[in-house]
Amino acid sequence: MADVGAALVDLVGAQHVLSGRAIGDDYSHDEALGVAPQLPAFVVRPTSTDEIAGVVRIAAEHRLAVTARGSGTGLSGACIPAEGGILVSFERMNRIIEIDTENHVAVVEPGVTLDELDKATAQRGLVYPVFPGENSASLGGNVATNAGGMRAVKYGVTRHHVLGLTAVLGTGEVITTGGKLTKSSTGYDLTQLIIGSEGTLAIVTQATLKLQPRLPHAATLLAPFTTLDEVSHAVPKVVGSGVGPMIVEYIDMIAMGAIVDNAGLELGLPDDVRGTARAYLVVVLESRISDRLDEDTQELATMLAELGAIDVYVLPPRTGSQLVEAREKAFWAAKALGANDIIDMVVPRAAIPEYMPRVAELAGETGSLVAGCGHAGDGNVHLSVFQSDPEVRYRLIKGIFSAGVALGGAISGEHGVGTAKKRYLAELEDPAKLSLMRRIKAAFDPSGILNPGIIFDSEAS
């Protein structure tokens, strides 16, 4: 290991190679619940693609695991380093290389945060519309997990906005995929293959991102319902209304209480409404023209009332923004209350009315509390699981995943598999697909050094 340390120092400089007690605890974990932290042998802080390629070549020579890390805000354990391995931290690769207003793209390094990119694009009347709920998250991490967020119902997820990548393979080779072009039928789409691979296929060192016009006017509607079933049935109507909502979120009464309390937010709802409501629908509309926004808001408010809402509230702009921000921080509210796990199951949108009662049944059968909120507009259900017994929790979560998969869903909508969900993936996914994934990884990373043990183990167990 002394030889490895010396080679890394020669590559990036002594001040940017950490080992032993110099490695801070923050490098040992992300925000996943129930995943044990682990310190690497080395933390390396490169500044270029060439340096990262050099790190990978050193790791390949010595058969050491390499894990890439951005801001460490992930929820699946995907950036927890391997024991004795190398952690590549992107904290020094944080430049916005270009914002091209003619082609509506941004070119960024992986350490750039969503907040930094949002401030830079706002100055040009543009927006990168993927907001997964934590603005301190890095673009590299978003690409690695195919992050989504509340605006996916209108704008889609990360993979819909990544036009090209520069990436380092497990051999140390550097590839560039895509670019500023919006379409290509030239061979395999390696860009899309790398997105969502959680650092197991390649280390992304630069991304070309598609931007959208930033619309100046927005309105937030809050509709309380007496049952979650009513909310579930209302969602397809809202999405299909033609008003093009930017956000369509459901929040059950337990989650709403936690979110509002955690944020110190006062929504101004009458006591009788709060006492009757069992679930809420939050819809955000946006428009280029204020009058058009008013028309759409009125049309949607009428529709929600007809769909059974107790009432419909058009929140003041500041309150609306605070509610959306508080919903984005729902994980922290659940964590503060002692949640044992967080699930981000996704099912076809129309299956939510069938899926949610089954989740409630499973919670009742196991004596567990499962509180929920989620991106109802795209079927992404976020569930906070309160069950301290590990075996009971495992049976409950497997049941929740199995019920969703049976309806055509997937285990993770946006957080990724990491280590937190790989047991469930191994048990519920088609073995032929997992075998194919392993063969793809072997082509990108023949030595198996890039984030080993993430998503799946190298060999079927």
Protein backbone atom coordinates (compact mmCIF):
# COMPACT_ATOMS: atom_id res chain seq x y z
CA MET A 1 0.00 0.00 0.00
CA ALA A 2 2.99 2.30 0.46
CA ASP A 3 3.67 1.94 -3.26
CA VAL A 4 0.07 2.86 -4.02
CA GLY A 5 0.24 5.93 -1.80
CA ALA A 6 3.46 7.07 -3.40
CA ALA A 7 2.04 6.64 -6.90
CA LEU A 8 -1.06 8.64 -5.99
CA VAL A 9 1.04 11.42 -4.48
CA ASP A 10 3.15 11.58 -7.64
CA LEU A 11 -0.08 11.89 -9.64
CA VAL A 12 -2.06 14.57 -7.75
CA GLY A 13 0.27 15.95 -5.07
CA ALA A 14 0.67 15.04 -1.40
CA GLN A 15 -1.89 17.56 -0.17
CA HIS A 16 -4.59 15.86 -2.22
CA VAL A 17 -4.02 12.29 -1.04
CA LEU A 18 -5.44 11.45 2.38
CA SER A 19 -4.82 8.26 4.33
CA GLY A 20 -5.17 6.96 7.87
CA ARG A 21 -6.37 9.47 10.44
CA ALA A 22 -6.33 12.26 7.88
CA ILE A 23 -9.47 10.78 6.31
CA GLY A 24 -12.50 12.47 7.84
CA ASP A 25 -15.63 10.56 8.82
CA ASP A 26 -17.66 12.34 6.13
CA TYR A 27 -15.92 10.25 3.48
CA SER A 28 -17.18 7.02 5.08
CA HIS A 29 -20.89 7.28 4.35
CA ASP A 30 -23.73 8.81 2.41
CA GLU A 31 -27.25 9.46 3.79
CA ALA A 32 -28.59 5.91 3.43
CA LEU A 33 -30.29 4.58 6.56
CA GLY A 34 -28.99 1.34 8.02
CA VAL A 35 -25.86 1.06 5.84
CA ALA A 36 -22.63 0.78 7.82
CA PRO A 37 -19.97 3.44 7.16
CA GLN A 38 -16.57 2.39 5.90
CA LEU A 39 -13.33 4.32 5.51
CA PRO A 40 -11.12 3.72 2.46
CA ALA A 41 -7.36 3.32 2.48
CA PHE A 42 -6.96 6.51 0.44
CA VAL A 43 -8.99 9.57 -0.50
CA VAL A 44 -7.79 11.22 -3.71
CA ARG A 45 -8.92 14.69 -4.81
CA PRO A 46 -8.10 15.05 -8.53
CA THR A 47 -8.68 18.05 -10.77
CA SER A 48 -8.84 16.51 -14.23
CA THR A 49 -9.95 13.57 -16.31
CA ASP A 50 -6.31 12.64 -16.89
CA GLU A 51 -5.67 12.46 -13.16
CA ILE A 52 -8.73 10.26 -12.62
CA ALA A 53 -7.59 7.97 -15.44
CA GLY A 54 -4.23 7.74 -13.69
CA VAL A 55 -5.90 6.83 -10.39
CA VAL A 56 -7.88 4.07 -12.10
CA ARG A 57 -4.76 2.66 -13.76
CA ILE A 58 -2.97 2.56 -10.40
CA ALA A 59 -5.99 0.86 -8.83
CA ALA A 60 -6.21 -1.67 -11.66
CA GLU A 61 -2.53 -2.53 -11.30
CA HIS A 62 -2.96 -3.22 -7.58
CA ARG A 63 -6.50 -4.64 -7.81
CA LEU A 64 -7.97 -1.98 -5.51
CA ALA A 65 -11.60 -0.90 -5.53
CA VAL A 66 -12.35 2.65 -6.70
CA THR A 67 -15.44 4.55 -5.53
CA ALA A 68 -16.45 7.96 -6.85
CA ARG A 69 -18.00 10.51 -4.49
CA GLY A 70 -19.69 13.84 -5.06
CA SER A 71 -21.56 15.53 -2.22
CA GLY A 72 -22.42 12.28 -0.45
CA THR A 73 -26.18 13.00 -0.34
CA GLY A 74 -27.23 9.66 -1.85
CA LEU A 75 -29.77 7.42 -0.14
CA SER A 76 -28.66 3.94 -1.21
CA GLY A 77 -25.10 3.50 0.05
CA ALA A 78 -23.63 3.69 -3.46
CA CYS A 79 -20.71 5.97 -2.59
CA ILE A 80 -19.57 4.21 0.56
CA PRO A 81 -15.97 3.17 -0.17
CA ALA A 82 -14.67 -0.37 -0.05
CA GLU A 83 -12.33 -1.37 2.76
CA GLY A 84 -8.77 -0.91 1.59
CA GLY A 85 -9.93 0.88 -1.55
CA ILE A 86 -9.57 4.32 -3.09
CA LEU A 87 -12.23 7.01 -2.82
CA VAL A 88 -12.14 9.59 -5.62
CA SER A 89 -13.64 12.82 -4.30
CA PHE A 90 -14.86 15.39 -6.83
CA GLU A 91 -14.66 18.37 -4.47
CA ARG A 92 -11.96 20.02 -6.63
CA MET A 93 -13.66 19.16 -9.95
CA ASN A 94 -16.43 21.69 -9.50
CA ARG A 95 -16.27 23.97 -12.53
CA ILE A 96 -19.12 25.01 -14.78
CA ILE A 97 -17.11 24.83 -17.97
CA GLU A 98 -19.70 26.44 -20.23
CA ILE A 99 -23.28 27.59 -20.47
CA ASP A 100 -24.14 27.66 -24.17
CA THR A 101 -27.22 29.84 -24.61
CA GLU A 102 -27.43 29.13 -28.34
CA ASN A 103 -27.65 25.37 -27.94
CA HIS A 104 -29.31 25.50 -24.49
CA VAL A 105 -26.72 23.28 -22.82
CA ALA A 106 -24.39 23.41 -19.85
CA VAL A 107 -21.07 21.58 -19.66
CA VAL A 108 -20.10 20.78 -16.07
CA GLU A 109 -17.64 18.82 -14.00
CA PRO A 110 -19.09 16.20 -11.63
CA GLY A 111 -18.49 18.18 -8.43
CA VAL A 112 -20.77 21.06 -9.48
CA THR A 113 -23.83 21.17 -7.23
CA LEU A 114 -27.39 21.65 -8.35
CA ASP A 115 -27.53 24.92 -6.43
CA GLU A 116 -24.44 26.26 -8.19
CA LEU A 117 -25.78 25.32 -11.62
CA ASP A 118 -29.22 26.76 -10.83
CA LYS A 119 -27.77 30.13 -9.87
CA ALA A 120 -25.63 30.25 -13.01
CA THR A 121 -28.45 29.29 -15.38
CA ALA A 122 -30.91 31.70 -13.73
CA GLN A 123 -28.72 34.60 -14.83
CA ARG A 124 -29.37 33.55 -18.42
CA GLY A 125 -33.09 32.84 -18.14
CA LEU A 126 -32.50 29.08 -18.32
CA VAL A 127 -32.92 26.17 -15.93
CA TYR A 128 -31.64 22.64 -15.49
CA PRO A 129 -35.04 21.27 -14.46
CA VAL A 130 -34.04 18.15 -12.49
CA PHE A 131 -34.50 18.94 -8.81
CA PRO A 132 -34.21 15.69 -6.80
CA GLY A 133 -34.80 17.38 -3.46
CA GLU A 134 -31.30 18.24 -2.24
CA ASN A 135 -29.67 21.20 -3.96
CA SER A 136 -26.29 20.46 -2.40
CA ALA A 137 -26.21 17.23 -4.41
CA SER A 138 -23.60 17.04 -7.15
CA LEU A 139 -24.27 16.58 -10.85
CA GLY A 140 -21.94 13.58 -10.89
CA GLY A 141 -24.03 11.86 -8.24
CA ASN A 142 -27.23 12.75 -10.10
CA VAL A 143 -25.88 11.16 -13.28
CA ALA A 144 -24.72 8.08 -11.37
CA THR A 145 -28.17 7.43 -9.89
CA ASN A 146 -30.35 8.87 -12.66
CA ALA A 147 -31.85 11.24 -10.09
CA GLY A 148 -35.43 12.39 -10.55
CA GLY A 149 -37.43 14.56 -8.17
CA MET A 150 -40.75 16.32 -8.08
CA ARG A 151 -40.53 17.96 -11.50
CA ALA A 152 -40.16 14.65 -13.34
CA VAL A 153 -43.87 14.58 -14.19
CA LYS A 154 -43.22 17.44 -16.61
CA TYR A 155 -39.51 17.40 -17.37
CA GLY A 156 -38.45 13.81 -16.84
CA VAL A 157 -35.40 12.58 -14.94
CA THR A 158 -31.64 13.01 -15.30
CA ARG A 159 -31.27 10.71 -18.31
CA HIS A 160 -33.66 12.93 -20.28
CA HIS A 161 -31.29 15.88 -19.84
CA VAL A 162 -27.84 14.38 -20.31
CA LEU A 163 -26.66 14.78 -23.90
CA GLY A 164 -23.08 13.59 -23.51
CA LEU A 165 -20.41 12.45 -21.08
CA THR A 166 -16.69 12.14 -20.64
CA ALA A 167 -15.94 9.06 -18.57
CA VAL A 168 -13.06 6.87 -17.41
CA LEU A 169 -13.49 3.11 -17.81
CA GLY A 170 -12.15 0.50 -15.41
CA THR A 171 -9.12 0.11 -17.68
CA GLY A 172 -8.15 3.76 -17.34
CA GLU A 173 -9.31 4.45 -20.91
CA VAL A 174 -11.21 7.71 -21.47
CA ILE A 175 -14.31 7.87 -23.67
CA THR A 176 -16.48 10.78 -24.80
CA THR A 177 -20.10 10.08 -25.67
CA GLY A 178 -22.75 12.27 -27.28
CA GLY A 179 -22.31 16.04 -27.21
CA LYS A 180 -24.37 19.15 -27.85
CA LEU A 181 -26.52 17.35 -30.41
CA THR A 182 -30.07 16.40 -29.48
CA LYS A 183 -30.30 13.17 -31.46
CA SER A 184 -28.05 10.46 -32.81
CA SER A 185 -28.51 6.99 -34.27
CA THR A 186 -24.81 6.20 -34.37
CA GLY A 187 -24.20 2.88 -32.67
CA TYR A 188 -24.90 1.97 -29.06
CA ASP A 189 -26.04 4.75 -26.75
CA LEU A 190 -23.23 4.59 -24.21
CA THR A 191 -24.37 7.82 -22.56
CA GLN A 192 -27.63 6.27 -21.45
CA LEU A 193 -25.94 3.05 -20.39
CA ILE A 194 -23.60 4.88 -18.02
CA ILE A 195 -26.38 7.04 -16.53
CA GLY A 196 -27.80 5.26 -13.48
CA SER A 197 -24.96 2.73 -13.30
CA GLU A 198 -23.90 4.09 -9.88
CA GLY A 199 -20.20 4.25 -10.70
CA THR A 200 -19.96 0.55 -11.57
CA LEU A 201 -19.28 1.00 -15.30
CA ALA A 202 -17.29 4.23 -15.51
CA ILE A 203 -16.36 7.36 -13.58
CA VAL A 204 -18.03 10.40 -15.14
CA THR A 205 -15.69 13.38 -15.32
CA GLN A 206 -17.77 15.79 -17.42
CA ALA A 207 -21.41 16.03 -18.45
CA THR A 208 -23.21 18.00 -21.16
CA LEU A 209 -26.69 18.86 -19.90
CA LYS A 210 -29.78 20.03 -21.73
CA LEU A 211 -31.32 23.25 -20.37
CA GLN A 212 -34.86 24.61 -20.58
CA PRO A 213 -36.33 28.13 -20.60
CA ARG A 214 -37.00 29.34 -17.05
CA LEU A 215 -40.69 30.23 -16.80
CA PRO A 216 -41.37 33.28 -14.61
CA HIS A 217 -44.83 32.53 -13.18
CA ALA A 218 -45.90 29.69 -10.88
CA ALA A 219 -48.84 28.76 -8.66
CA THR A 220 -49.15 26.11 -5.94
CA LEU A 221 -52.47 24.40 -5.26
CA LEU A 222 -53.09 22.38 -2.10
CA ALA A 223 -56.05 20.01 -2.12
CA PRO A 224 -56.90 18.00 1.02
CA PHE A 225 -58.90 14.78 0.56
CA THR A 226 -60.66 12.51 3.03
CA THR A 227 -58.92 9.39 1.71
CA LEU A 228 -55.67 8.50 -0.02
CA ASP A 229 -57.72 6.49 -2.50
CA GLU A 230 -59.39 9.71 -3.71
CA VAL A 231 -55.99 11.30 -4.20
CA SER A 232 -54.76 8.27 -6.15
CA HIS A 233 -57.73 8.37 -8.49
CA ALA A 234 -57.41 12.13 -8.98
CA VAL A 235 -53.78 12.01 -10.13
CA PRO A 236 -54.34 10.58 -13.66
CA LYS A 237 -57.07 13.18 -14.23
CA VAL A 238 -54.76 16.01 -13.20
CA VAL A 239 -51.88 14.77 -15.35
CA GLY A 240 -54.18 14.24 -18.32
CA SER A 241 -55.95 17.58 -17.98
CA GLY A 242 -53.73 19.36 -20.48
CA VAL A 243 -52.54 22.05 -18.05
CA GLY A 244 -49.08 20.45 -17.91
CA PRO A 245 -48.40 20.47 -14.16
CA MET A 246 -44.77 20.81 -13.13
CA ILE A 247 -45.30 19.03 -9.81
CA VAL A 248 -47.98 16.55 -8.71
CA GLU A 249 -47.26 15.26 -5.20
CA TYR A 250 -49.29 13.22 -2.76
CA ILE A 251 -48.64 13.49 0.97
CA ASP A 252 -50.47 11.38 3.57
CA MET A 253 -51.55 13.01 6.82
CA ILE A 254 -48.69 11.51 8.87
CA ALA A 255 -46.07 12.68 6.42
CA MET A 256 -47.73 16.10 6.10
CA GLY A 257 -47.63 16.57 9.87
CA ALA A 258 -43.96 15.66 10.01
CA ILE A 259 -43.04 17.82 7.02
CA VAL A 260 -44.88 20.89 8.30
CA ASP A 261 -43.57 20.53 11.85
CA ASN A 262 -40.00 19.94 10.68
CA ALA A 263 -40.13 23.12 8.56
CA GLY A 264 -42.06 25.20 11.10
CA LEU A 265 -44.57 25.91 8.34
CA GLU A 266 -48.07 27.33 8.82
CA LEU A 267 -50.39 26.55 5.91
CA GLY A 268 -53.39 28.36 7.35
CA LEU A 269 -55.84 25.47 6.91
CA PRO A 270 -59.00 25.54 9.05
CA ASP A 271 -59.05 23.10 11.98
CA ASP A 272 -62.01 21.18 10.59
CA VAL A 273 -60.19 20.61 7.29
CA ARG A 274 -57.01 19.44 9.00
CA GLY A 275 -59.08 17.15 11.20
CA THR A 276 -60.85 15.56 8.23
CA ALA A 277 -58.04 15.33 5.69
CA ARG A 278 -56.24 12.00 5.45
CA ALA A 279 -54.18 12.86 2.38
CA TYR A 280 -53.16 15.89 0.35
CA LEU A 281 -52.42 16.60 -3.27
CA VAL A 282 -49.93 19.36 -4.06
CA VAL A 283 -49.90 20.62 -7.64
CA VAL A 284 -47.58 23.29 -9.01
CA LEU A 285 -48.30 24.97 -12.34
CA GLU A 286 -45.95 27.28 -14.24
CA SER A 287 -46.36 29.50 -17.27
CA ARG A 288 -44.67 32.11 -19.36
CA ILE A 289 -47.77 34.34 -19.16
CA SER A 290 -49.46 35.35 -15.90
CA ASP A 291 -53.01 35.43 -17.29
CA ARG A 292 -52.64 31.97 -18.76
CA LEU A 293 -51.43 30.69 -15.40
CA ASP A 294 -54.52 32.17 -13.72
CA GLU A 295 -56.80 30.41 -16.21
CA ASP A 296 -55.07 27.07 -15.72
CA THR A 297 -55.14 27.48 -11.94
CA GLN A 298 -58.87 28.13 -11.93
CA GLU A 299 -59.54 25.21 -14.26
CA LEU A 300 -57.51 22.83 -12.13
CA ALA A 301 -59.06 24.05 -8.86
CA THR A 302 -62.51 23.34 -10.28
CA MET A 303 -61.42 19.89 -11.42
CA LEU A 304 -59.95 19.00 -8.02
CA ALA A 305 -63.18 20.03 -6.29
CA GLU A 306 -65.15 17.83 -8.68
CA LEU A 307 -62.77 14.96 -7.94
CA GLY A 308 -63.65 15.07 -4.25
CA ALA A 309 -61.25 17.53 -2.63
CA ILE A 310 -62.53 18.92 0.68
CA ASP A 311 -61.44 22.31 -0.57
CA VAL A 312 -58.75 23.72 -2.85
CA TYR A 313 -56.29 26.36 -1.70
CA VAL A 314 -54.12 28.47 -3.97
CA LEU A 315 -51.26 29.18 -1.62
CA PRO A 316 -49.48 32.54 -1.46
CA PRO A 317 -46.26 32.34 -3.49
CA ARG A 318 -43.96 32.29 -0.49
CA THR A 319 -46.03 29.67 1.35
CA GLY A 320 -46.22 27.55 -1.80
CA SER A 321 -42.45 27.65 -2.23
CA GLN A 322 -41.95 26.81 1.44
CA LEU A 323 -44.28 23.81 1.18
CA VAL A 324 -42.47 22.47 -1.88
CA GLU A 325 -39.13 22.98 -0.15
CA ALA A 326 -40.43 21.26 2.98
CA ARG A 327 -41.68 18.33 0.90
CA GLU A 328 -38.22 18.07 -0.68
CA LYS A 329 -36.81 17.73 2.86
CA ALA A 330 -39.22 14.92 3.78
CA PHE A 331 -36.32 12.50 4.23
CA TRP A 332 -34.88 14.63 7.00
CA ALA A 333 -38.25 14.82 8.71
CA ALA A 334 -38.59 11.03 8.56
CA LYS A 335 -35.01 10.56 9.78
CA ALA A 336 -35.63 12.91 12.70
CA LEU A 337 -38.66 10.84 13.70
CA GLY A 338 -36.59 7.66 13.71
CA ALA A 339 -37.50 6.00 10.41
CA ASN A 340 -35.65 2.71 9.92
CA ASP A 341 -35.70 2.77 6.14
CA ILE A 342 -36.80 4.85 3.16
CA ILE A 343 -38.25 3.27 0.01
CA ASP A 344 -38.59 4.91 -3.41
CA MET A 345 -40.70 2.29 -5.22
CA VAL A 346 -42.11 3.28 -8.60
CA VAL A 347 -45.21 1.80 -10.22
CA PRO A 348 -47.25 2.78 -13.26
CA ARG A 349 -49.17 5.91 -12.30
CA ALA A 350 -52.55 4.26 -12.82
CA ALA A 351 -51.58 1.43 -10.45
CA ILE A 352 -51.24 3.67 -7.39
CA PRO A 353 -54.90 3.20 -6.29
CA GLU A 354 -54.31 -0.57 -6.22
CA TYR A 355 -50.80 -0.42 -4.79
CA MET A 356 -51.26 1.85 -1.78
CA PRO A 357 -54.00 -0.26 -0.05
CA ARG A 358 -51.70 -3.28 -0.36
CA VAL A 359 -48.89 -1.31 1.33
CA ALA A 360 -51.28 -0.46 4.17
CA GLU A 361 -52.22 -4.14 4.51
CA LEU A 362 -48.58 -5.20 4.70
CA ALA A 363 -47.88 -2.56 7.34
CA GLY A 364 -50.81 -3.79 9.40
CA GLU A 365 -49.85 -7.45 9.04
CA THR A 366 -46.35 -6.74 10.40
CA GLY A 367 -47.35 -4.24 13.09
CA SER A 368 -45.37 -1.52 11.33
CA LEU A 369 -45.92 2.15 10.57
CA VAL A 370 -45.44 3.13 6.94
CA ALA A 371 -45.93 6.81 6.14
CA GLY A 372 -45.83 8.09 2.61
CA CYS A 373 -45.48 10.92 0.19
CA GLY A 374 -44.30 10.85 -3.35
CA HIS A 375 -44.21 11.97 -6.92
CA ALA A 376 -47.73 10.79 -7.70
CA GLY A 377 -47.56 12.27 -11.18
CA ASP A 378 -44.97 9.70 -12.23
CA GLY A 379 -45.85 6.84 -9.88
CA ASN A 380 -42.79 7.26 -7.63
CA VAL A 381 -43.90 6.39 -4.10
CA HIS A 382 -41.68 7.35 -1.15
CA LEU A 383 -42.39 5.36 1.98
CA SER A 384 -40.88 5.87 5.42
CA VAL A 385 -40.76 2.54 7.24
CA PHE A 386 -40.86 2.45 11.03
CA GLN A 387 -40.09 -1.12 12.14
CA SER A 388 -37.13 -1.72 14.43
CA ASP A 389 -37.00 -5.53 14.11
CA PRO A 390 -34.62 -6.26 11.20
CA GLU A 391 -36.26 -9.54 10.17
CA VAL A 392 -39.78 -8.13 10.30
CA ARG A 393 -38.60 -5.05 8.40
CA TYR A 394 -37.01 -7.23 5.74
CA ARG A 395 -40.24 -9.21 5.22
CA LEU A 396 -42.26 -6.01 5.10
CA ILE A 397 -40.00 -4.26 2.60
CA LYS A 398 -39.73 -7.33 0.40
CA GLY A 399 -43.52 -7.54 0.42
CA ILE A 400 -43.82 -3.87 -0.53
CA PHE A 401 -41.32 -4.33 -3.36
CA SER A 402 -42.97 -7.56 -4.53
CA ALA A 403 -46.39 -5.92 -4.64
CA GLY A 404 -45.03 -3.08 -6.75
CA VAL A 405 -43.10 -5.34 -9.12
CA ALA A 406 -46.24 -7.43 -9.64
CA LEU A 407 -47.97 -4.27 -10.88
CA GLY A 408 -45.20 -3.54 -13.38
CA GLY A 409 -43.08 -1.39 -11.08
CA ALA A 410 -39.40 -1.21 -10.15
CA ILE A 411 -37.58 -1.27 -6.82
CA SER A 412 -36.02 2.18 -7.16
CA GLY A 413 -37.43 5.15 -8.99
CA GLU A 414 -34.57 7.57 -8.36
CA HIS A 415 -32.36 6.77 -5.36
CA GLY A 416 -30.61 3.82 -6.96
CA VAL A 417 -29.90 0.33 -5.64
CA GLY A 418 -26.49 0.79 -4.05
CA THR A 419 -25.97 -1.68 -1.22
CA ALA A 420 -29.23 -0.83 0.53
CA LYS A 421 -31.50 -2.58 -1.99
CA LYS A 422 -29.26 -5.09 -3.74
CA ARG A 423 -30.57 -8.03 -1.67
CA TYR A 424 -34.09 -7.28 -2.84
CA LEU A 425 -32.94 -6.80 -6.42
CA ALA A 426 -31.17 -10.17 -6.37
CA GLU A 427 -34.32 -11.87 -5.09
CA LEU A 428 -36.89 -10.14 -7.29
CA GLU A 429 -35.16 -9.29 -10.57
CA ASP A 430 -35.02 -11.59 -13.60
CA PRO A 431 -31.78 -13.63 -13.26
CA ALA A 432 -31.15 -13.31 -17.00
CA LYS A 433 -31.13 -9.52 -16.69
CA LEU A 434 -28.74 -9.61 -13.74
CA SER A 435 -26.44 -11.93 -15.67
CA LEU A 436 -26.47 -9.52 -18.61
CA MET A 437 -25.67 -6.61 -16.28
CA ARG A 438 -22.65 -8.51 -14.97
CA ARG A 439 -21.41 -9.12 -18.51
CA ILE A 440 -21.83 -5.44 -19.38
CA LYS A 441 -19.87 -4.46 -16.28
CA ALA A 442 -17.09 -6.87 -17.26
CA ALA A 443 -16.82 -5.14 -20.66
CA PHE A 444 -16.49 -1.68 -19.09
CA ASP A 445 -14.50 -2.78 -16.05
CA PRO A 446 -12.68 -6.07 -16.74
CA SER A 447 -10.83 -6.04 -13.41
CA GLY A 448 -14.02 -5.39 -11.45
CA ILE A 449 -12.55 -2.44 -9.54
CA LEU A 450 -15.24 0.22 -10.09
CA ASN A 451 -17.60 0.29 -7.11
CA PRO A 452 -17.63 -3.50 -6.63
CA GLY A 453 -20.58 -4.88 -4.70
CA ILE A 454 -22.86 -2.01 -5.70
CA ILE A 455 -26.19 -2.94 -7.38
CA PHE A 456 -25.17 -6.62 -7.43
CA ASP A 457 -22.32 -8.85 -6.35
CA SER A 458 -19.82 -9.88 -9.01
CA GLU A 459 -21.09 -13.47 -9.00
CA ALA A 460 -24.62 -14.71 -8.42
CA SER A 461 -24.94 -15.90 -4.84
